[in-house]
Amino acid sequence: MNRYGMLMLAALTAAGVSGCATKNYVKSQTAPIIEHTGKLEDQTAANGRAIRDTDQRAQAGIKQAQSSADAATQNAQNATKAAGDAETAANDVVHRADSLDSVVKGLDNYKQMGDVTVTFGFDKSVLTQDAKEQLDSFAAQLGSAKSYILEVTGGTDSTGSAQYNYDLSQRRADAVVQYLASKYNIPAHRFYLIGIGKDKEVAPNDTREGRQKNRRVEVQLLTNMSGTGTETAGTQGSGK
């Protein structure tokens, strides 16, 4: 090999060695950067998960707080309604106690000329066949009665709340009035209607027989003996 060839071989060899050295250098310099970049990506992902978890917990807390606030509002509304219902019930009791004297003037002039009591099933306000027959017998004396009113009083046993029993006793009294009015053409001004609920028992409520007697409607035929008293009565009350 001549001198020129030897120089070329040396140059090529040097270039090869230099290329390998350059690649190794680049690799040594870039590896830490790649590793650091990977760590940054992992940290970013972890931060993202932490943010999502925090947001979910925050949303859950907000939802729970809103639910508690809604429940508190509902409880307040229920309490207000209960107070209003209690006041209404109290006013109704006072009205029932005073209404007969205010509607029927000169009550002392009225004398009881007849009466009938019909009973109802538990939590029922529908007349039985036996009750209708008793009312029919009672109504037979109305044809000859003058200046009269019919005091119709509904009652219940002690089962249930006071307000529910006022309503139920009223429905029972209504059933009797509707039957007599429709079948015997009795005008509305002849009736004085009241539902007293469980306020006035006619038998002890601690026995089955006593509770059955209290589930009743009493009808009294009252005649004005003076001949000058009013014949007008109202359908008052509310009211097992």
Protein backbone atom coordinates (compact mmCIF):
# COMPACT_ATOMS: atom_id res chain seq x y z
CA MET A 1 0.00 0.00 0.00
CA ASN A 2 1.40 3.41 -0.94
CA ARG A 3 1.56 6.38 1.33
CA TYR A 4 -1.62 7.93 -0.04
CA GLY A 5 -3.58 4.81 0.61
CA MET A 6 -2.33 4.59 4.14
CA LEU A 7 -3.36 8.16 4.77
CA MET A 8 -6.87 7.47 3.45
CA LEU A 9 -7.21 4.39 5.65
CA ALA A 10 -6.12 6.36 8.70
CA ALA A 11 -8.60 9.10 7.92
CA LEU A 12 -11.49 6.67 7.52
CA THR A 13 -10.58 4.89 10.72
CA ALA A 14 -10.46 8.15 12.59
CA ALA A 15 -13.83 9.18 11.19
CA GLY A 16 -15.41 5.92 12.29
CA VAL A 17 -14.06 6.25 15.77
CA SER A 18 -15.20 9.88 15.89
CA GLY A 19 -18.75 8.90 14.70
CA CYS A 20 -19.14 6.32 17.41
CA ALA A 21 -17.90 8.77 19.99
CA THR A 22 -20.43 11.37 18.81
CA LYS A 23 -23.34 8.92 19.06
CA ASN A 24 -22.31 7.83 22.52
CA TYR A 25 -22.06 11.45 23.59
CA VAL A 26 -25.46 12.35 22.24
CA LYS A 27 -26.96 9.30 23.91
CA SER A 28 -25.36 10.14 27.21
CA GLN A 29 -26.67 13.69 27.05
CA THR A 30 -30.24 12.94 25.90
CA ALA A 31 -30.98 9.99 28.23
CA PRO A 32 -31.38 12.14 31.36
CA ILE A 33 -33.65 14.51 29.43
CA ILE A 34 -35.89 11.65 28.28
CA GLU A 35 -35.97 10.25 31.79
CA HIS A 36 -36.84 13.64 33.25
CA THR A 37 -39.54 14.15 30.62
CA GLY A 38 -41.09 10.81 31.57
CA LYS A 39 -41.11 11.79 35.22
CA LEU A 40 -42.78 15.08 34.33
CA GLU A 41 -45.49 13.25 32.39
CA ASP A 42 -46.10 10.90 35.32
CA GLN A 43 -46.28 13.84 37.71
CA THR A 44 -48.65 15.68 35.39
CA ALA A 45 -50.91 12.62 35.22
CA ALA A 46 -50.83 12.28 39.01
CA ASN A 47 -51.69 15.95 39.41
CA GLY A 48 -54.57 15.56 36.98
CA ARG A 49 -55.93 12.61 38.97
CA ALA A 50 -55.59 14.57 42.20
CA ILE A 51 -57.46 17.52 40.70
CA ARG A 52 -60.27 15.25 39.45
CA ASP A 53 -60.53 13.55 42.87
CA THR A 54 -60.66 16.94 44.61
CA ASP A 55 -63.33 18.16 42.21
CA GLN A 56 -65.42 15.03 42.71
CA ARG A 57 -65.19 15.39 46.49
CA ALA A 58 -66.11 19.04 46.22
CA GLN A 59 -69.13 18.27 44.02
CA ALA A 60 -70.22 15.53 46.43
CA GLY A 61 -69.92 17.96 49.33
CA ILE A 62 -71.91 20.62 47.49
CA LYS A 63 -74.61 18.08 46.62
CA GLN A 64 -74.84 16.88 50.21
CA ALA A 65 -75.00 20.45 51.50
CA GLN A 66 -77.76 21.27 48.99
CA SER A 67 -79.67 18.14 50.01
CA SER A 68 -79.39 19.11 53.67
CA ALA A 69 -80.56 22.63 52.87
CA ASP A 70 -83.53 21.29 50.89
CA ALA A 71 -84.44 18.95 53.75
CA ALA A 72 -84.25 21.81 56.24
CA THR A 73 -86.47 23.95 54.01
CA GLN A 74 -89.00 21.13 53.68
CA ASN A 75 -89.01 20.56 57.44
CA ALA A 76 -89.61 24.25 58.00
CA GLN A 77 -92.49 24.23 55.51
CA ASN A 78 -93.98 21.13 57.18
CA ALA A 79 -93.70 22.76 60.58
CA THR A 80 -95.42 25.90 59.30
CA LYS A 81 -98.23 23.83 57.76
CA ALA A 82 -98.63 21.80 60.96
CA ALA A 83 -98.90 24.99 62.98
CA GLY A 84 -101.49 26.34 60.55
CA ASP A 85 -103.49 23.09 60.69
CA ALA A 86 -103.40 23.13 64.49
CA GLU A 87 -104.67 26.71 64.56
CA THR A 88 -107.45 25.85 62.12
CA ALA A 89 -108.46 22.82 64.18
CA ALA A 90 -108.52 24.93 67.35
CA ASN A 91 -110.68 27.56 65.67
CA ASP A 92 -113.03 24.85 64.42
CA VAL A 93 -113.46 23.51 67.95
CA VAL A 94 -114.37 26.96 69.22
CA HIS A 95 -116.75 27.46 66.31
CA ARG A 96 -118.46 24.13 66.92
CA ALA A 97 -118.88 24.98 70.58
CA ASP A 98 -120.47 28.36 69.86
CA SER A 99 -122.29 27.87 66.59
CA LEU A 100 -125.51 26.20 67.74
CA ASP A 101 -126.38 29.05 70.07
CA SER A 102 -125.55 31.69 67.44
CA VAL A 103 -127.46 30.01 64.59
CA VAL A 104 -130.57 28.87 66.47
CA LYS A 105 -131.89 31.79 68.48
CA GLY A 106 -134.02 31.07 71.51
CA LEU A 107 -132.81 27.49 71.77
CA ASP A 108 -134.58 27.09 75.10
CA ASN A 109 -137.86 27.25 73.19
CA TYR A 110 -137.00 24.08 71.29
CA LYS A 111 -138.08 20.74 72.68
CA GLN A 112 -136.85 17.35 71.60
CA MET A 113 -139.69 15.44 69.96
CA GLY A 114 -137.79 12.45 68.63
CA ASP A 115 -134.32 11.05 67.95
CA VAL A 116 -132.48 8.25 66.22
CA THR A 117 -128.88 7.01 66.29
CA VAL A 118 -127.23 5.07 63.47
CA THR A 119 -123.76 3.50 63.60
CA PHE A 120 -121.02 2.98 61.04
CA GLY A 121 -118.26 0.48 60.33
CA PHE A 122 -114.67 1.25 61.27
CA ASP A 123 -113.35 4.18 59.23
CA LYS A 124 -116.56 4.16 57.14
CA SER A 125 -119.04 6.90 56.29
CA VAL A 126 -121.45 4.87 54.16
CA LEU A 127 -124.93 4.14 55.50
CA THR A 128 -125.72 0.48 56.06
CA GLN A 129 -129.09 -0.97 55.13
CA ASP A 130 -129.99 -1.15 58.82
CA ALA A 131 -129.11 2.53 59.25
CA LYS A 132 -131.33 3.48 56.29
CA GLU A 133 -134.26 1.55 57.77
CA GLN A 134 -133.84 3.34 61.10
CA LEU A 135 -133.76 6.72 59.35
CA ASP A 136 -136.89 5.79 57.40
CA SER A 137 -138.74 5.04 60.64
CA PHE A 138 -137.55 8.31 62.14
CA ALA A 139 -138.54 10.34 59.08
CA ALA A 140 -142.15 9.10 59.28
CA GLN A 141 -142.87 11.65 62.07
CA LEU A 142 -141.53 14.64 60.14
CA GLY A 143 -144.65 15.06 58.03
CA SER A 144 -146.64 16.42 60.97
CA ALA A 145 -143.84 18.38 62.61
CA LYS A 146 -143.98 22.18 62.58
CA SER A 147 -141.25 24.76 63.14
CA TYR A 148 -138.64 22.07 63.58
CA ILE A 149 -134.96 21.59 62.99
CA LEU A 150 -132.91 18.42 62.80
CA GLU A 151 -129.71 18.48 64.82
CA VAL A 152 -127.36 15.97 63.17
CA THR A 153 -124.23 15.15 65.18
CA GLY A 154 -121.48 12.88 63.84
CA GLY A 155 -119.04 11.11 66.13
CA THR A 156 -116.14 8.64 66.04
CA ASP A 157 -114.22 6.30 68.28
CA SER A 158 -110.82 7.31 69.66
CA THR A 159 -108.70 5.69 66.94
CA GLY A 160 -106.69 8.16 64.86
CA SER A 161 -105.84 11.86 65.06
CA ALA A 162 -108.27 14.53 66.17
CA GLN A 163 -108.36 16.27 62.78
CA TYR A 164 -108.93 13.03 60.87
CA ASN A 165 -111.80 12.16 63.20
CA TYR A 166 -113.39 15.59 62.78
CA ASP A 167 -113.37 15.05 59.03
CA LEU A 168 -114.70 11.50 59.30
CA SER A 169 -117.50 12.48 61.69
CA GLN A 170 -118.45 15.27 59.29
CA ARG A 171 -118.67 12.83 56.39
CA ARG A 172 -120.89 10.56 58.45
CA ALA A 173 -123.21 13.42 59.33
CA ASP A 174 -123.22 14.47 55.66
CA ALA A 175 -124.29 10.95 54.64
CA VAL A 176 -127.32 11.10 56.96
CA VAL A 177 -128.32 14.59 55.82
CA GLN A 178 -128.02 13.68 52.14
CA TYR A 179 -130.14 10.57 52.65
CA LEU A 180 -132.94 12.37 54.49
CA ALA A 181 -132.87 15.45 52.27
CA SER A 182 -132.96 13.54 48.99
CA LYS A 183 -135.46 10.85 49.98
CA TYR A 184 -137.87 12.96 52.03
CA ASN A 185 -137.40 16.36 50.34
CA ILE A 186 -136.34 18.07 53.57
CA PRO A 187 -135.03 21.60 52.86
CA ALA A 188 -131.47 22.46 53.84
CA HIS A 189 -132.50 25.11 56.40
CA ARG A 190 -134.04 22.37 58.56
CA PHE A 191 -130.65 20.82 59.28
CA TYR A 192 -128.07 21.78 61.82
CA LEU A 193 -125.00 19.68 61.02
CA ILE A 194 -121.92 19.19 63.17
CA GLY A 195 -119.04 16.71 63.35
CA ILE A 196 -117.52 16.42 66.82
CA GLY A 197 -114.99 13.67 66.06
CA LYS A 198 -113.94 11.81 69.19
CA ASP A 199 -114.58 14.77 71.49
CA LYS A 200 -117.72 13.39 73.12
CA GLU A 201 -117.89 9.62 73.57
CA VAL A 202 -121.13 7.87 74.42
CA ALA A 203 -119.40 4.66 75.53
CA PRO A 204 -115.88 3.69 76.71
CA ASN A 205 -113.40 3.33 73.86
CA ASP A 206 -111.46 0.56 75.58
CA THR A 207 -113.92 -2.12 74.40
CA ARG A 208 -115.00 -3.20 70.93
CA GLU A 209 -118.65 -2.62 71.76
CA GLY A 210 -117.93 0.85 73.12
CA ARG A 211 -115.97 1.91 70.03
CA GLN A 212 -118.80 0.64 67.81
CA LYS A 213 -121.32 2.80 69.68
CA ASN A 214 -119.10 5.86 69.30
CA ARG A 215 -118.95 5.45 65.51
CA ARG A 216 -122.38 7.02 65.16
CA VAL A 217 -124.59 9.84 63.97
CA GLU A 218 -127.27 11.13 66.30
CA VAL A 219 -130.32 12.89 64.86
CA GLN A 220 -132.60 14.90 67.12
CA LEU A 221 -135.95 16.36 66.08
CA LEU A 222 -136.31 19.72 67.84
CA THR A 223 -139.58 21.65 67.65
CA ASN A 224 -140.02 25.31 68.51
CA MET A 225 -142.78 25.26 71.10
CA SER A 226 -143.23 29.04 71.19
CA GLY A 227 -144.14 29.30 67.52
CA THR A 228 -142.13 32.52 67.21
CA GLY A 229 -138.61 31.20 67.03
CA THR A 230 -136.59 30.96 63.86
CA GLU A 231 -136.67 27.82 61.79
CA THR A 232 -133.33 28.52 60.23
CA ALA A 233 -130.33 26.32 60.95
CA GLY A 234 -126.98 25.91 59.29
CA THR A 235 -124.73 23.15 58.14
CA GLN A 236 -121.75 23.83 60.37
CA GLY A 237 -118.82 21.89 61.73
CA SER A 238 -116.14 19.61 60.47
CA GLY A 239 -115.31 16.44 61.58
CA LYS A 240 -114.71 8.65 63.46
